[in-house]
N, C-alpha and C. Protein backbone atom coordinates (compact mmCIF):
# COMPACT_ATOMS: atom_id res chain seq x y z
N UNK A 1 -2.97 -2.79 7.63
CA UNK A 1 -3.02 -3.79 6.59
C UNK A 1 -3.47 -5.11 7.19
N UNK A 2 -4.24 -5.85 6.43
CA UNK A 2 -4.67 -7.19 6.80
C UNK A 2 -4.26 -8.16 5.71
N UNK A 3 -3.89 -9.37 6.13
CA UNK A 3 -3.56 -10.43 5.19
C UNK A 3 -4.33 -11.67 5.61
N UNK A 4 -5.09 -12.21 4.68
CA UNK A 4 -5.83 -13.45 4.94
C UNK A 4 -5.32 -14.49 3.95
N UNK A 5 -4.85 -15.62 4.47
CA UNK A 5 -4.30 -16.68 3.63
C UNK A 5 -5.27 -17.85 3.57
N UNK A 6 -5.53 -18.32 2.36
CA UNK A 6 -6.37 -19.49 2.14
C UNK A 6 -5.66 -20.44 1.19
N UNK A 7 -5.93 -21.73 1.36
CA UNK A 7 -5.40 -22.74 0.45
C UNK A 7 -6.43 -23.00 -0.65
N UNK A 8 -5.98 -23.01 -1.88
CA UNK A 8 -6.80 -23.41 -3.01
C UNK A 8 -6.04 -24.52 -3.73
N UNK A 9 -6.34 -25.75 -3.34
CA UNK A 9 -5.56 -26.88 -3.84
C UNK A 9 -4.16 -26.80 -3.27
N UNK A 10 -3.15 -26.85 -4.15
CA UNK A 10 -1.77 -26.76 -3.68
C UNK A 10 -1.21 -25.34 -3.78
N UNK A 11 -2.10 -24.37 -3.95
CA UNK A 11 -1.70 -22.96 -4.05
C UNK A 11 -2.20 -22.20 -2.82
N UNK A 12 -1.29 -21.46 -2.19
CA UNK A 12 -1.68 -20.58 -1.08
C UNK A 12 -1.98 -19.21 -1.67
N UNK A 13 -3.10 -18.62 -1.26
CA UNK A 13 -3.50 -17.30 -1.73
C UNK A 13 -3.54 -16.35 -0.55
N UNK A 14 -2.76 -15.28 -0.63
CA UNK A 14 -2.72 -14.27 0.42
C UNK A 14 -3.45 -13.03 -0.09
N UNK A 15 -4.59 -12.72 0.54
CA UNK A 15 -5.39 -11.55 0.15
C UNK A 15 -4.99 -10.38 1.03
N UNK A 16 -4.58 -9.29 0.39
CA UNK A 16 -4.14 -8.09 1.09
C UNK A 16 -5.26 -7.05 1.14
N UNK A 17 -5.36 -6.35 2.28
CA UNK A 17 -6.27 -5.22 2.41
C UNK A 17 -5.52 -4.08 3.09
N UNK A 18 -5.61 -2.89 2.52
CA UNK A 18 -4.95 -1.72 3.12
C UNK A 18 -3.75 -1.29 2.30
N UNK A 19 -2.68 -0.93 3.00
CA UNK A 19 -1.46 -0.43 2.37
C UNK A 19 -0.29 -1.34 2.69
N UNK A 20 0.55 -1.55 1.69
CA UNK A 20 1.79 -2.30 1.87
C UNK A 20 2.92 -1.29 1.75
N UNK A 21 3.40 -0.85 2.91
CA UNK A 21 4.40 0.22 2.94
C UNK A 21 5.44 -0.07 4.02
N UNK A 22 6.22 0.92 4.33
CA UNK A 22 7.30 0.77 5.31
C UNK A 22 6.79 0.25 6.65
N UNK A 23 5.60 0.66 7.05
CA UNK A 23 5.06 0.27 8.34
C UNK A 23 4.52 -1.16 8.37
N UNK A 24 4.14 -1.68 7.21
CA UNK A 24 3.51 -3.01 7.16
C UNK A 24 4.31 -4.05 6.40
N UNK A 25 5.39 -3.65 5.76
CA UNK A 25 6.16 -4.57 4.91
C UNK A 25 6.72 -5.75 5.70
N UNK A 26 7.21 -5.52 6.90
CA UNK A 26 7.79 -6.61 7.69
C UNK A 26 6.72 -7.63 8.08
N UNK A 27 5.55 -7.15 8.46
CA UNK A 27 4.43 -8.05 8.79
C UNK A 27 4.05 -8.91 7.58
N UNK A 28 4.00 -8.29 6.41
CA UNK A 28 3.67 -9.02 5.18
C UNK A 28 4.75 -10.04 4.87
N UNK A 29 6.00 -9.64 5.00
CA UNK A 29 7.11 -10.56 4.72
C UNK A 29 7.06 -11.78 5.65
N UNK A 30 6.80 -11.55 6.91
CA UNK A 30 6.71 -12.67 7.86
C UNK A 30 5.56 -13.61 7.51
N UNK A 31 4.40 -13.05 7.18
CA UNK A 31 3.24 -13.88 6.86
C UNK A 31 3.48 -14.72 5.61
N UNK A 32 4.07 -14.11 4.59
CA UNK A 32 4.31 -14.83 3.34
C UNK A 32 5.46 -15.83 3.47
N UNK A 33 6.48 -15.46 4.20
CA UNK A 33 7.61 -16.37 4.42
C UNK A 33 7.16 -17.60 5.20
N UNK A 34 6.25 -17.43 6.14
CA UNK A 34 5.70 -18.57 6.88
C UNK A 34 5.05 -19.57 5.92
N UNK A 35 4.36 -19.07 4.92
CA UNK A 35 3.72 -19.95 3.95
C UNK A 35 4.77 -20.75 3.17
N UNK A 36 5.82 -20.07 2.74
CA UNK A 36 6.87 -20.75 1.98
C UNK A 36 7.57 -21.79 2.85
N UNK A 37 7.87 -21.44 4.09
CA UNK A 37 8.54 -22.38 4.99
C UNK A 37 7.65 -23.57 5.33
N UNK A 38 6.33 -23.38 5.26
CA UNK A 38 5.39 -24.46 5.52
C UNK A 38 5.21 -25.36 4.30
N UNK A 39 5.95 -25.07 3.23
CA UNK A 39 5.90 -25.90 2.04
C UNK A 39 4.96 -25.42 0.95
N UNK A 40 4.45 -24.20 1.11
CA UNK A 40 3.54 -23.63 0.11
C UNK A 40 4.33 -22.67 -0.80
N UNK A 41 5.12 -23.26 -1.69
CA UNK A 41 5.97 -22.45 -2.56
C UNK A 41 5.22 -21.95 -3.80
N UNK A 42 3.99 -22.43 -4.00
CA UNK A 42 3.13 -21.88 -5.04
C UNK A 42 2.23 -20.89 -4.33
N UNK A 43 2.50 -19.60 -4.56
CA UNK A 43 1.87 -18.56 -3.77
C UNK A 43 1.33 -17.45 -4.67
N UNK A 44 0.12 -17.01 -4.38
CA UNK A 44 -0.51 -15.91 -5.10
C UNK A 44 -0.79 -14.79 -4.11
N UNK A 45 -0.45 -13.57 -4.49
CA UNK A 45 -0.83 -12.39 -3.71
C UNK A 45 -2.02 -11.75 -4.40
N UNK A 46 -3.17 -11.79 -3.74
CA UNK A 46 -4.38 -11.14 -4.24
C UNK A 46 -4.34 -9.69 -3.78
N UNK A 47 -4.05 -8.80 -4.72
CA UNK A 47 -3.86 -7.39 -4.40
C UNK A 47 -5.12 -6.56 -4.60
N UNK A 48 -6.25 -7.21 -4.82
CA UNK A 48 -7.47 -6.47 -5.13
C UNK A 48 -7.92 -5.54 -3.99
N UNK A 49 -7.52 -5.84 -2.76
CA UNK A 49 -7.87 -4.98 -1.64
C UNK A 49 -6.75 -4.05 -1.21
N UNK A 50 -5.68 -4.01 -1.99
CA UNK A 50 -4.53 -3.17 -1.66
C UNK A 50 -4.73 -1.77 -2.23
N UNK A 51 -4.66 -0.77 -1.34
CA UNK A 51 -4.87 0.63 -1.74
C UNK A 51 -3.58 1.30 -2.21
N UNK A 52 -2.45 0.86 -1.65
CA UNK A 52 -1.19 1.56 -1.87
C UNK A 52 -0.04 0.59 -1.67
N UNK A 53 1.01 0.76 -2.48
CA UNK A 53 2.24 -0.01 -2.29
C UNK A 53 3.43 0.93 -2.44
N UNK A 54 4.38 0.82 -1.52
CA UNK A 54 5.59 1.65 -1.55
C UNK A 54 6.77 0.81 -1.99
N UNK A 55 7.94 1.44 -2.03
CA UNK A 55 9.15 0.69 -2.39
C UNK A 55 9.44 -0.41 -1.36
N UNK A 56 9.10 -0.19 -0.11
CA UNK A 56 9.27 -1.24 0.91
C UNK A 56 8.38 -2.43 0.60
N UNK A 57 7.16 -2.17 0.15
CA UNK A 57 6.25 -3.24 -0.26
C UNK A 57 6.78 -3.99 -1.47
N UNK A 58 7.34 -3.26 -2.41
CA UNK A 58 7.91 -3.89 -3.60
C UNK A 58 9.07 -4.82 -3.23
N UNK A 59 9.92 -4.37 -2.30
CA UNK A 59 11.03 -5.21 -1.84
C UNK A 59 10.51 -6.48 -1.18
N UNK A 60 9.41 -6.38 -0.46
CA UNK A 60 8.79 -7.54 0.16
C UNK A 60 8.37 -8.55 -0.90
N UNK A 61 7.69 -8.07 -1.94
CA UNK A 61 7.24 -8.95 -3.02
C UNK A 61 8.42 -9.63 -3.69
N UNK A 62 9.48 -8.89 -3.93
CA UNK A 62 10.67 -9.44 -4.57
C UNK A 62 11.32 -10.52 -3.70
N UNK A 63 11.39 -10.28 -2.42
CA UNK A 63 11.98 -11.26 -1.50
C UNK A 63 11.17 -12.55 -1.47
N UNK A 64 9.85 -12.42 -1.44
CA UNK A 64 8.98 -13.60 -1.42
C UNK A 64 9.11 -14.38 -2.73
N UNK A 65 9.20 -13.66 -3.85
CA UNK A 65 9.38 -14.32 -5.14
C UNK A 65 10.65 -15.17 -5.13
N UNK A 66 11.73 -14.61 -4.64
CA UNK A 66 13.00 -15.35 -4.59
C UNK A 66 12.88 -16.59 -3.71
N UNK A 67 12.21 -16.46 -2.56
CA UNK A 67 12.03 -17.60 -1.66
C UNK A 67 11.21 -18.70 -2.33
N UNK A 68 10.11 -18.31 -2.99
CA UNK A 68 9.26 -19.30 -3.66
C UNK A 68 10.03 -20.03 -4.75
N UNK A 69 10.76 -19.30 -5.56
CA UNK A 69 11.50 -19.92 -6.66
C UNK A 69 12.63 -20.81 -6.15
N UNK A 70 13.24 -20.42 -5.03
CA UNK A 70 14.30 -21.25 -4.45
C UNK A 70 13.75 -22.59 -3.96
N UNK A 71 12.47 -22.63 -3.63
CA UNK A 71 11.83 -23.86 -3.16
C UNK A 71 11.12 -24.60 -4.30
N UNK A 72 11.34 -24.19 -5.56
CA UNK A 72 10.76 -24.87 -6.69
C UNK A 72 9.36 -24.43 -7.07
N UNK A 73 8.89 -23.34 -6.49
CA UNK A 73 7.56 -22.81 -6.79
C UNK A 73 7.64 -21.48 -7.51
N UNK A 74 6.63 -20.68 -7.34
CA UNK A 74 6.62 -19.34 -7.93
C UNK A 74 5.64 -18.48 -7.15
N UNK A 75 5.75 -17.18 -7.37
CA UNK A 75 4.93 -16.18 -6.69
C UNK A 75 4.26 -15.35 -7.77
N UNK A 76 2.94 -15.24 -7.72
CA UNK A 76 2.19 -14.53 -8.74
C UNK A 76 1.32 -13.46 -8.10
N UNK A 77 1.04 -12.41 -8.85
CA UNK A 77 0.22 -11.31 -8.37
C UNK A 77 -1.11 -11.29 -9.11
N UNK A 78 -2.16 -10.91 -8.41
CA UNK A 78 -3.49 -10.90 -9.01
C UNK A 78 -4.29 -9.70 -8.55
N UNK A 79 -5.14 -9.20 -9.45
CA UNK A 79 -6.16 -8.23 -9.10
C UNK A 79 -5.69 -6.86 -8.67
N UNK A 80 -4.53 -6.42 -9.11
CA UNK A 80 -4.04 -5.10 -8.70
C UNK A 80 -4.96 -4.00 -9.22
N UNK A 81 -5.24 -3.03 -8.37
CA UNK A 81 -6.02 -1.87 -8.78
C UNK A 81 -5.21 -1.07 -9.81
N UNK A 82 -5.86 -0.16 -10.54
CA UNK A 82 -5.10 0.65 -11.50
C UNK A 82 -3.92 1.39 -10.87
N UNK A 83 -4.10 1.94 -9.67
CA UNK A 83 -3.01 2.68 -9.02
C UNK A 83 -1.85 1.77 -8.63
N UNK A 84 -2.17 0.64 -8.02
CA UNK A 84 -1.12 -0.32 -7.62
C UNK A 84 -0.49 -0.93 -8.88
N UNK A 85 -1.30 -1.23 -9.88
CA UNK A 85 -0.79 -1.77 -11.14
C UNK A 85 0.19 -0.83 -11.81
N UNK A 86 -0.09 0.46 -11.72
CA UNK A 86 0.81 1.45 -12.33
C UNK A 86 2.17 1.46 -11.62
N UNK A 87 2.16 1.36 -10.30
CA UNK A 87 3.42 1.29 -9.54
C UNK A 87 4.19 0.03 -9.93
N UNK A 88 3.49 -1.09 -10.03
CA UNK A 88 4.15 -2.34 -10.43
C UNK A 88 4.76 -2.22 -11.82
N UNK A 89 4.03 -1.58 -12.72
CA UNK A 89 4.51 -1.43 -14.10
C UNK A 89 5.70 -0.47 -14.17
N UNK A 90 5.59 0.69 -13.54
CA UNK A 90 6.66 1.69 -13.59
C UNK A 90 7.95 1.20 -12.92
N UNK A 91 7.80 0.34 -11.92
CA UNK A 91 8.98 -0.17 -11.21
C UNK A 91 9.60 -1.39 -11.91
N UNK A 92 8.94 -1.87 -12.96
CA UNK A 92 9.47 -3.01 -13.70
C UNK A 92 9.04 -4.36 -13.15
N UNK A 93 8.18 -4.37 -12.16
CA UNK A 93 7.77 -5.63 -11.54
C UNK A 93 6.91 -6.49 -12.45
N UNK A 94 6.23 -5.89 -13.41
CA UNK A 94 5.41 -6.69 -14.32
C UNK A 94 6.28 -7.51 -15.26
N UNK A 95 7.55 -7.17 -15.36
CA UNK A 95 8.48 -7.96 -16.15
C UNK A 95 9.17 -9.05 -15.33
N UNK A 96 9.08 -8.94 -14.02
CA UNK A 96 9.72 -9.89 -13.11
C UNK A 96 8.73 -10.92 -12.59
N UNK A 97 7.56 -10.46 -12.21
CA UNK A 97 6.52 -11.31 -11.65
C UNK A 97 5.36 -11.44 -12.62
N UNK A 98 4.77 -12.62 -12.66
CA UNK A 98 3.60 -12.81 -13.51
C UNK A 98 2.40 -12.17 -12.81
N UNK A 99 1.65 -11.39 -13.57
CA UNK A 99 0.48 -10.72 -13.01
C UNK A 99 -0.77 -11.17 -13.76
N UNK A 100 -1.87 -11.23 -13.03
CA UNK A 100 -3.13 -11.71 -13.58
C UNK A 100 -4.25 -10.79 -13.15
N UNK A 101 -5.28 -10.66 -13.99
CA UNK A 101 -6.37 -9.75 -13.65
C UNK A 101 -7.21 -10.22 -12.46
N UNK A 102 -7.27 -11.55 -12.25
CA UNK A 102 -8.08 -12.08 -11.15
C UNK A 102 -7.31 -13.13 -10.36
N UNK A 103 -7.78 -13.32 -9.16
CA UNK A 103 -7.22 -14.34 -8.27
C UNK A 103 -7.36 -15.73 -8.89
N UNK A 104 -8.53 -16.03 -9.45
CA UNK A 104 -8.77 -17.34 -10.05
C UNK A 104 -7.81 -17.61 -11.21
N UNK A 105 -7.58 -16.60 -12.03
CA UNK A 105 -6.66 -16.76 -13.16
C UNK A 105 -5.25 -17.06 -12.68
N UNK A 106 -4.83 -16.38 -11.61
CA UNK A 106 -3.49 -16.62 -11.06
C UNK A 106 -3.37 -18.03 -10.50
N UNK A 107 -4.38 -18.48 -9.77
CA UNK A 107 -4.35 -19.83 -9.19
C UNK A 107 -4.33 -20.86 -10.32
N UNK A 108 -5.17 -20.68 -11.33
CA UNK A 108 -5.25 -21.63 -12.45
C UNK A 108 -3.96 -21.67 -13.25
N UNK A 109 -3.17 -20.60 -13.23
CA UNK A 109 -1.92 -20.58 -14.00
C UNK A 109 -0.90 -21.58 -13.48
N UNK A 110 -1.09 -22.08 -12.28
CA UNK A 110 -0.18 -23.08 -11.72
C UNK A 110 -0.51 -24.50 -12.21
N UNK A 111 -1.67 -24.67 -12.83
CA UNK A 111 -2.10 -26.01 -13.27
C UNK A 111 -1.24 -26.53 -14.41
């Protein structure tokens, strides 16, 4: 898995590539937590390059959401593929986290 973080105004965008699973969840959690600790509590996960997400990956997303909200921000998801989107929907995450079809839409939702 690869994570590339870019700033778009006051929003940090983390673009994922590969799989977010038991083997990569800790790496993802560390990368995203670093952003929150650096003061970037408005955070978007661009999932357009994510092939697979497991329950470990879902726990990572939930933990980051809690951290962002505790710092007065929020965590949003963007661009999930149909397969990843189905996992998010079946697990109830679409009711917990705001999801957007594109990265730009997610970033603009913070305006």
